[in-house]
Amino acid sequence: QEAGISTLNLSTGTTVAKQKTLRRFTKEPLAPKVLLLEVDSANAAGANLTIANNVFFVSPVVSDTQQEYDAWETQAIGRVRRYGQEKTVRIWRFVAKGTIDEDIIRIRAPQVLEEAA
């Protein structure tokens, strides 16, 4: 918000409030176009987010297995890249060097670090 970017947050609030936020994001032309949600939660389960075309991962999913990691990430991307999407979908990943996030990515998705090199 300090940068003048309006956001909607799907990570907090009651179920009704989350549904209202999601409806606002997908249906209202003048609504903020940045939706914040946690990948590893059920807040947007099954949501069709084809109104969006950029997916930003600002931290890696913490999971017990590679299969679980891949499933969470695939589901998050699939909310945007699905039938009805008319725009090119871009996936962005932010990984800070020297952090636990980098260690997780090195284990779960080493190709991300290779692509960034």
Protein backbone atom coordinates (compact mmCIF):
# COMPACT_ATOMS: atom_id res chain seq x y z
CA GLN A 1 0.00 0.00 0.00
CA GLU A 2 2.93 2.31 0.64
CA ALA A 3 3.79 2.00 -3.05
CA GLY A 4 0.24 2.94 -4.04
CA ILE A 5 -0.74 -0.60 -5.04
CA SER A 6 -4.18 -1.63 -3.83
CA THR A 7 -4.56 -5.23 -2.68
CA LEU A 8 -7.21 -7.65 -1.52
CA ASN A 9 -6.26 -10.21 1.13
CA LEU A 10 -7.79 -13.67 1.05
CA SER A 11 -5.66 -14.96 3.93
CA THR A 12 -7.66 -13.46 6.78
CA GLY A 13 -11.28 -13.02 7.83
CA THR A 14 -14.38 -15.16 8.03
CA THR A 15 -15.49 -17.52 5.28
CA VAL A 16 -18.18 -15.04 4.22
CA ALA A 17 -15.65 -12.19 4.11
CA LYS A 18 -13.27 -14.32 2.02
CA GLN A 19 -16.05 -15.19 -0.43
CA LYS A 20 -16.92 -11.50 -0.73
CA THR A 21 -13.26 -10.62 -1.33
CA LEU A 22 -12.90 -13.30 -4.00
CA ARG A 23 -16.12 -12.21 -5.71
CA ARG A 24 -14.93 -8.59 -5.67
CA PHE A 25 -11.57 -9.56 -7.19
CA THR A 26 -13.11 -11.61 -9.99
CA LYS A 27 -16.23 -9.58 -10.80
CA GLU A 28 -15.66 -5.89 -10.09
CA PRO A 29 -13.73 -4.05 -12.83
CA LEU A 30 -12.51 -1.33 -10.47
CA ALA A 31 -11.44 -3.66 -7.66
CA PRO A 32 -7.75 -3.93 -6.78
CA LYS A 33 -5.95 -6.32 -9.09
CA VAL A 34 -3.57 -7.80 -6.53
CA LEU A 35 -4.96 -10.70 -4.52
CA LEU A 36 -2.91 -12.00 -1.60
CA LEU A 37 -3.45 -15.59 -0.57
CA GLU A 38 -1.48 -18.36 1.04
CA VAL A 39 -0.78 -21.19 -1.36
CA ASP A 40 -0.91 -23.87 1.32
CA SER A 41 -4.34 -22.98 2.69
CA ALA A 42 -7.86 -23.77 1.57
CA ASN A 43 -8.83 -20.10 1.22
CA ALA A 44 -9.18 -20.23 -2.55
CA ALA A 45 -9.72 -23.93 -3.10
CA GLY A 46 -11.35 -24.45 -6.46
CA ALA A 47 -11.36 -20.72 -7.21
CA ASN A 48 -11.25 -19.67 -10.85
CA LEU A 49 -8.76 -16.81 -10.95
CA THR A 50 -8.44 -16.44 -14.72
CA ILE A 51 -8.97 -12.71 -14.26
CA ALA A 52 -5.32 -12.73 -13.17
CA ASN A 53 -2.35 -13.62 -15.33
CA ASN A 54 0.62 -13.20 -12.99
CA VAL A 55 1.39 -15.58 -10.13
CA PHE A 56 3.96 -14.40 -7.60
CA PHE A 57 5.51 -16.87 -5.18
CA VAL A 58 7.07 -14.74 -2.45
CA SER A 59 8.05 -17.72 -0.33
CA PRO A 60 8.30 -21.43 -1.00
CA VAL A 61 5.70 -23.89 0.22
CA VAL A 62 6.91 -25.75 3.29
CA SER A 63 5.93 -29.38 2.86
CA ASP A 64 6.92 -32.80 4.13
CA THR A 65 7.28 -34.39 0.70
CA GLN A 66 8.16 -33.45 -2.86
CA GLN A 67 4.76 -34.68 -3.98
CA GLU A 68 2.99 -32.33 -1.55
CA TYR A 69 5.19 -29.39 -2.61
CA ASP A 70 4.46 -30.03 -6.29
CA ALA A 71 0.73 -30.43 -5.62
CA TRP A 72 0.41 -27.11 -3.76
CA GLU A 73 2.34 -25.23 -6.40
CA THR A 74 0.50 -26.87 -9.30
CA GLN A 75 -2.83 -26.06 -7.68
CA ALA A 76 -1.87 -22.40 -7.18
CA ILE A 77 -0.78 -22.00 -10.79
CA GLY A 78 -3.82 -23.94 -11.98
CA ARG A 79 -6.15 -21.38 -10.41
CA VAL A 80 -4.89 -18.88 -12.97
CA ARG A 81 -3.84 -21.12 -15.88
CA ARG A 82 -7.06 -22.94 -16.71
CA TYR A 83 -9.84 -23.11 -19.28
CA GLY A 84 -11.04 -19.60 -20.03
CA GLN A 85 -7.67 -17.91 -19.54
CA GLU A 86 -7.09 -15.63 -22.51
CA LYS A 87 -3.84 -13.98 -21.41
CA THR A 88 -0.29 -15.26 -21.15
CA VAL A 89 0.29 -16.49 -17.60
CA ARG A 90 3.59 -15.51 -16.00
CA ILE A 91 5.04 -17.20 -12.94
CA TRP A 92 7.33 -15.09 -10.74
CA ARG A 93 9.42 -16.42 -7.86
CA PHE A 94 11.18 -14.36 -5.23
CA VAL A 95 14.01 -16.12 -3.42
CA ALA A 96 16.33 -14.20 -1.09
CA LYS A 97 19.92 -15.44 -1.15
CA GLY A 98 21.29 -16.88 2.05
CA THR A 99 17.89 -17.61 3.59
CA ILE A 100 15.97 -20.74 4.53
CA ASP A 101 13.81 -20.03 1.47
CA GLU A 102 16.83 -20.61 -0.75
CA ASP A 103 17.53 -23.89 1.05
CA ILE A 104 13.93 -25.06 0.54
CA ILE A 105 14.01 -24.14 -3.15
CA ARG A 106 17.36 -25.92 -3.57
CA ILE A 107 15.75 -29.12 -2.26
CA ARG A 108 12.24 -28.85 -3.76
CA ALA A 109 12.73 -26.94 -7.02
CA PRO A 110 16.43 -26.68 -7.94
CA GLN A 111 15.58 -25.70 -11.52
CA VAL A 112 14.33 -22.35 -10.17
CA LEU A 113 17.82 -21.49 -8.94
CA GLU A 114 19.39 -22.76 -12.17
CA GLU A 115 17.08 -20.53 -14.24
CA ALA A 116 17.95 -17.51 -12.08
CA ALA A 117 21.72 -18.01 -12.39
